N, C-alpha and C. Protein backbone atom coordinates (compact mmCIF):
# COMPACT_ATOMS: atom_id res chain seq x y z
N ALA A 1 -2.93 -31.05 -9.57
CA ALA A 1 -1.72 -30.63 -9.00
C ALA A 1 -2.01 -30.25 -7.47
N THR A 2 -1.09 -30.55 -6.64
CA THR A 2 -1.19 -30.19 -5.17
C THR A 2 -0.29 -29.06 -4.94
N SER A 3 -0.78 -28.11 -4.12
CA SER A 3 0.05 -27.03 -3.72
C SER A 3 0.48 -27.09 -2.26
N SER A 4 1.56 -26.54 -1.96
CA SER A 4 2.01 -26.53 -0.58
C SER A 4 1.62 -25.21 0.09
N PRO A 5 1.40 -25.24 1.41
CA PRO A 5 1.07 -24.03 2.11
C PRO A 5 2.22 -23.07 2.06
N VAL A 6 1.92 -21.73 2.01
CA VAL A 6 2.95 -20.69 2.03
C VAL A 6 3.18 -20.29 3.41
N LEU A 7 4.39 -19.91 3.77
CA LEU A 7 4.76 -19.28 5.05
C LEU A 7 4.33 -20.17 6.23
N THR A 8 4.68 -21.46 6.13
CA THR A 8 4.30 -22.37 7.23
C THR A 8 4.94 -22.14 8.57
N ASP A 9 6.12 -21.47 8.55
CA ASP A 9 6.81 -21.11 9.76
C ASP A 9 6.55 -19.72 10.29
N ALA A 10 5.70 -19.03 9.60
CA ALA A 10 5.34 -17.62 9.98
C ALA A 10 4.62 -17.58 11.32
N VAL A 11 4.92 -16.50 12.09
CA VAL A 11 4.22 -16.29 13.38
C VAL A 11 3.49 -14.89 13.20
N TRP A 12 2.22 -14.89 13.43
CA TRP A 12 1.42 -13.73 13.24
C TRP A 12 0.95 -13.24 14.59
N ALA A 13 0.96 -11.97 14.77
CA ALA A 13 0.41 -11.33 16.00
C ALA A 13 -1.03 -10.82 15.71
N VAL A 14 -1.88 -11.04 16.68
CA VAL A 14 -3.19 -10.55 16.53
C VAL A 14 -3.37 -9.36 17.51
N GLY A 15 -3.96 -8.32 17.08
CA GLY A 15 -4.17 -7.14 17.88
C GLY A 15 -5.27 -6.28 17.42
N ARG A 16 -5.48 -5.25 18.13
CA ARG A 16 -6.56 -4.27 17.73
C ARG A 16 -5.89 -2.86 17.69
N ARG A 17 -6.44 -2.12 16.76
CA ARG A 17 -6.08 -0.71 16.59
C ARG A 17 -7.31 0.14 16.47
N ASP A 18 -7.27 1.37 17.02
CA ASP A 18 -8.35 2.25 16.69
C ASP A 18 -8.26 2.73 15.23
N PHE A 19 -9.46 2.88 14.61
CA PHE A 19 -9.54 3.32 13.22
C PHE A 19 -10.61 4.39 13.18
N PRO A 20 -10.32 5.56 13.79
CA PRO A 20 -11.31 6.61 13.91
C PRO A 20 -11.68 7.21 12.50
N PRO A 21 -12.77 7.96 12.43
CA PRO A 21 -13.13 8.56 11.22
C PRO A 21 -11.97 9.50 10.75
N GLY A 22 -11.72 9.42 9.44
CA GLY A 22 -10.68 10.21 8.79
C GLY A 22 -9.39 9.38 8.69
N SER A 23 -9.33 8.23 9.21
CA SER A 23 -8.14 7.37 9.16
C SER A 23 -7.98 6.66 7.86
N SER A 24 -6.77 6.24 7.53
CA SER A 24 -6.51 5.45 6.34
C SER A 24 -5.67 4.21 6.73
N LEU A 25 -5.80 3.19 5.97
CA LEU A 25 -5.01 1.95 6.13
C LEU A 25 -4.41 1.74 4.71
N VAL A 26 -3.12 1.57 4.62
CA VAL A 26 -2.42 1.44 3.38
C VAL A 26 -1.76 -0.02 3.45
N VAL A 27 -2.04 -0.90 2.62
CA VAL A 27 -1.44 -2.27 2.58
C VAL A 27 -0.75 -2.38 1.27
N PHE A 28 0.42 -2.98 1.27
CA PHE A 28 1.12 -3.15 -0.05
C PHE A 28 1.95 -4.40 0.00
N SER A 29 2.26 -4.92 -1.20
CA SER A 29 3.04 -6.17 -1.29
C SER A 29 4.58 -5.85 -1.18
N ASP A 30 5.35 -6.85 -0.96
CA ASP A 30 6.76 -6.64 -0.82
C ASP A 30 7.42 -6.14 -2.05
N GLY A 31 6.78 -6.25 -3.18
CA GLY A 31 7.29 -5.73 -4.47
C GLY A 31 7.47 -4.18 -4.42
N VAL A 32 6.68 -3.52 -3.60
CA VAL A 32 6.74 -2.07 -3.43
C VAL A 32 8.13 -1.79 -2.77
N LEU A 33 8.31 -2.44 -1.63
CA LEU A 33 9.60 -2.19 -0.79
C LEU A 33 10.84 -2.60 -1.58
N GLU A 34 10.74 -3.76 -2.27
CA GLU A 34 12.00 -4.37 -2.89
C GLU A 34 12.23 -3.93 -4.30
N ALA A 35 11.46 -2.96 -4.84
CA ALA A 35 11.73 -2.49 -6.22
C ALA A 35 13.11 -1.84 -6.22
N ARG A 36 13.94 -2.22 -7.15
CA ARG A 36 15.35 -1.80 -7.25
C ARG A 36 15.67 -0.83 -8.40
N ASP A 37 16.47 0.12 -8.14
CA ASP A 37 16.87 1.00 -9.18
C ASP A 37 18.17 0.45 -9.89
N THR A 38 18.70 1.23 -10.76
CA THR A 38 19.93 0.77 -11.56
C THR A 38 21.17 0.60 -10.67
N HIS A 39 21.13 1.22 -9.45
CA HIS A 39 22.27 1.06 -8.46
C HIS A 39 21.91 -0.03 -7.50
N ASP A 40 20.90 -0.74 -7.67
CA ASP A 40 20.46 -1.86 -6.81
C ASP A 40 19.94 -1.39 -5.43
N ASP A 41 19.49 -0.15 -5.41
CA ASP A 41 18.89 0.35 -4.11
C ASP A 41 17.42 0.13 -4.16
N GLU A 42 16.91 -0.46 -3.05
CA GLU A 42 15.45 -0.74 -2.94
C GLU A 42 14.69 0.54 -2.78
N PHE A 43 13.42 0.47 -3.16
CA PHE A 43 12.57 1.62 -2.90
C PHE A 43 12.42 1.90 -1.43
N GLY A 44 12.16 0.86 -0.68
CA GLY A 44 12.24 0.91 0.76
C GLY A 44 11.08 1.69 1.46
N LEU A 45 11.02 1.46 2.74
CA LEU A 45 9.95 2.01 3.60
C LEU A 45 10.05 3.49 3.75
N ASP A 46 11.27 4.04 3.74
CA ASP A 46 11.40 5.56 3.86
C ASP A 46 10.76 6.25 2.67
N ARG A 47 10.97 5.65 1.42
CA ARG A 47 10.32 6.28 0.29
C ARG A 47 8.78 6.02 0.25
N VAL A 48 8.38 4.91 0.74
CA VAL A 48 6.93 4.73 0.90
C VAL A 48 6.28 5.71 1.79
N LEU A 49 6.93 5.96 2.98
CA LEU A 49 6.41 6.91 3.96
C LEU A 49 6.40 8.35 3.35
N ALA A 50 7.50 8.68 2.69
CA ALA A 50 7.60 10.03 2.09
C ALA A 50 6.52 10.23 1.00
N THR A 51 6.28 9.16 0.24
CA THR A 51 5.25 9.31 -0.82
C THR A 51 3.87 9.48 -0.17
N LEU A 52 3.64 8.60 0.87
CA LEU A 52 2.32 8.64 1.50
C LEU A 52 2.08 10.05 2.17
N ALA A 53 3.10 10.61 2.80
CA ALA A 53 3.00 11.95 3.43
C ALA A 53 2.58 12.98 2.35
N GLY A 54 3.05 12.85 1.21
CA GLY A 54 2.71 13.84 0.13
C GLY A 54 1.29 13.73 -0.44
N VAL A 55 0.59 12.64 -0.09
CA VAL A 55 -0.79 12.46 -0.67
C VAL A 55 -1.81 12.14 0.48
N ARG A 56 -1.44 12.57 1.67
CA ARG A 56 -2.24 12.23 2.88
C ARG A 56 -3.73 12.59 2.77
N ASP A 57 -4.03 13.75 2.08
CA ASP A 57 -5.43 14.26 2.00
C ASP A 57 -6.04 13.94 0.64
N ARG A 58 -5.40 13.15 -0.16
CA ARG A 58 -5.87 12.78 -1.46
C ARG A 58 -6.85 11.63 -1.41
N PRO A 59 -7.77 11.46 -2.35
CA PRO A 59 -8.68 10.24 -2.44
C PRO A 59 -7.81 8.92 -2.49
N ALA A 60 -8.36 7.88 -2.05
CA ALA A 60 -7.66 6.55 -1.96
C ALA A 60 -7.10 6.21 -3.31
N GLY A 61 -7.82 6.38 -4.36
CA GLY A 61 -7.30 6.00 -5.77
C GLY A 61 -6.10 6.79 -6.11
N ALA A 62 -6.06 8.09 -5.71
CA ALA A 62 -4.91 8.95 -6.04
C ALA A 62 -3.67 8.47 -5.25
N VAL A 63 -3.90 7.94 -4.01
CA VAL A 63 -2.78 7.45 -3.17
C VAL A 63 -2.16 6.21 -3.83
N VAL A 64 -3.09 5.32 -4.29
CA VAL A 64 -2.54 4.05 -5.02
C VAL A 64 -1.76 4.55 -6.30
N ASP A 65 -2.35 5.41 -7.12
CA ASP A 65 -1.76 5.79 -8.28
C ASP A 65 -0.36 6.43 -8.06
N ARG A 66 -0.26 7.20 -7.02
CA ARG A 66 0.99 7.98 -6.73
C ARG A 66 2.06 7.05 -6.28
N LEU A 67 1.68 6.10 -5.37
CA LEU A 67 2.65 5.18 -4.87
C LEU A 67 3.23 4.19 -5.98
N ARG A 68 2.30 3.75 -6.83
CA ARG A 68 2.64 2.86 -7.93
C ARG A 68 3.52 3.62 -8.92
N ALA A 69 3.25 4.88 -9.21
CA ALA A 69 4.02 5.69 -10.09
C ALA A 69 5.45 5.97 -9.50
N GLN A 70 5.53 6.20 -8.21
CA GLN A 70 6.83 6.37 -7.62
C GLN A 70 7.67 5.15 -7.72
N VAL A 71 7.08 3.98 -7.54
CA VAL A 71 7.74 2.71 -7.56
C VAL A 71 8.23 2.46 -9.03
N ARG A 72 7.34 2.68 -9.95
CA ARG A 72 7.66 2.55 -11.33
C ARG A 72 8.77 3.43 -11.80
N ASP A 73 8.81 4.73 -11.34
CA ASP A 73 9.83 5.62 -11.73
C ASP A 73 11.20 5.22 -11.04
N HIS A 74 11.17 4.64 -9.90
CA HIS A 74 12.33 4.22 -9.20
C HIS A 74 12.98 2.96 -9.79
N ALA A 75 12.11 1.98 -10.13
CA ALA A 75 12.64 0.64 -10.46
C ALA A 75 13.16 0.58 -11.91
N SER A 76 14.35 0.11 -12.11
CA SER A 76 14.89 -0.07 -13.43
C SER A 76 14.17 -1.14 -14.18
N CYS A 77 13.87 -2.21 -13.50
CA CYS A 77 13.17 -3.30 -14.02
C CYS A 77 12.31 -4.06 -12.94
N GLN A 78 11.07 -3.93 -12.97
CA GLN A 78 10.23 -4.53 -11.92
C GLN A 78 9.98 -5.95 -12.17
N ARG A 79 10.45 -6.88 -11.22
CA ARG A 79 10.23 -8.30 -11.43
C ARG A 79 9.17 -8.80 -10.50
N ASP A 80 8.70 -8.06 -9.57
CA ASP A 80 7.66 -8.60 -8.59
C ASP A 80 6.44 -7.76 -8.73
N ASP A 81 5.34 -8.28 -8.18
CA ASP A 81 4.10 -7.45 -8.27
C ASP A 81 4.23 -6.25 -7.41
N VAL A 82 3.38 -5.22 -7.80
CA VAL A 82 3.32 -4.02 -7.00
C VAL A 82 1.79 -3.85 -6.77
N THR A 83 1.38 -4.38 -5.54
CA THR A 83 -0.02 -4.31 -5.18
C THR A 83 -0.13 -3.36 -4.07
N VAL A 84 -1.13 -2.45 -4.18
CA VAL A 84 -1.41 -1.45 -3.15
C VAL A 84 -2.85 -1.37 -2.95
N LEU A 85 -3.27 -1.33 -1.65
CA LEU A 85 -4.68 -1.25 -1.26
C LEU A 85 -4.75 -0.10 -0.22
N VAL A 86 -5.70 0.79 -0.43
CA VAL A 86 -5.91 1.89 0.51
C VAL A 86 -7.38 1.85 0.94
N VAL A 87 -7.57 1.83 2.28
CA VAL A 87 -8.91 1.82 2.85
C VAL A 87 -9.05 3.11 3.62
N ARG A 88 -10.11 3.79 3.45
CA ARG A 88 -10.38 5.06 4.24
C ARG A 88 -11.67 4.93 5.07
N ARG A 89 -11.54 5.44 6.21
CA ARG A 89 -12.83 5.52 7.05
C ARG A 89 -13.30 7.03 6.93
N HIS A 90 -14.45 7.18 6.34
CA HIS A 90 -14.96 8.56 6.13
C HIS A 90 -15.34 9.15 7.51
N ALA A 91 -15.07 10.44 7.58
CA ALA A 91 -15.38 11.22 8.80
C ALA A 91 -16.90 11.37 8.95
N VAL A 92 -17.59 11.42 7.86
CA VAL A 92 -19.04 11.59 7.82
C VAL A 92 -19.62 10.39 7.11
N PRO A 93 -20.65 9.78 7.61
CA PRO A 93 -21.26 8.60 6.95
C PRO A 93 -21.64 8.88 5.53
N VAL A 94 -21.38 7.99 4.66
CA VAL A 94 -21.71 8.11 3.30
C VAL A 94 -23.25 7.81 3.12
N ALA A 95 -23.96 8.68 2.49
CA ALA A 95 -25.39 8.49 2.26
C ALA A 95 -25.64 7.26 1.44
N SER A 96 -26.69 6.55 1.86
CA SER A 96 -27.04 5.33 1.17
C SER A 96 -27.25 5.57 -0.30
N GLY A 97 -26.55 4.75 -1.11
CA GLY A 97 -26.67 4.85 -2.59
C GLY A 97 -25.71 5.84 -3.19
N ALA A 98 -25.00 6.65 -2.33
CA ALA A 98 -24.09 7.59 -2.91
C ALA A 98 -22.78 6.82 -3.25
N PRO A 99 -22.14 7.28 -4.35
CA PRO A 99 -20.89 6.64 -4.70
C PRO A 99 -19.80 7.02 -3.68
N VAL A 100 -18.92 6.00 -3.41
CA VAL A 100 -17.72 6.18 -2.52
C VAL A 100 -16.52 6.57 -3.30
N ARG A 101 -15.91 7.60 -2.92
CA ARG A 101 -14.74 8.10 -3.68
C ARG A 101 -13.50 7.97 -2.86
C-alpha cells in the first residue's frame, strides 16, 4: 500500500530559542486541545496553560500525568490521541550514570 504525505500545504517556520538551565519544553498533540466535554467545549489552550502553571516545579513525568488526567476528566468521550512530551534542561549537569528524573 502507498501512503500520501501529510500536511503537504503546511508552511513551517524555522527559528531559534534560548533554552537555559531550568527550562521546560512541553509538546502535545491536537487531541489535548480538542478534547470536548458534554457541552461540546474544547479543553483548549487556556486550560493547558492553567494546568501547566500548577505543575511548573514538578518532575516531567508528573507534568505529563497531570495534563493527561485533566484532559481525561474534561472529555466526555476522547476520540483523538492525547500525546504529551515534556523535556527539561537541568540546572545542574546530571552525573554520568545517574538516573534522570
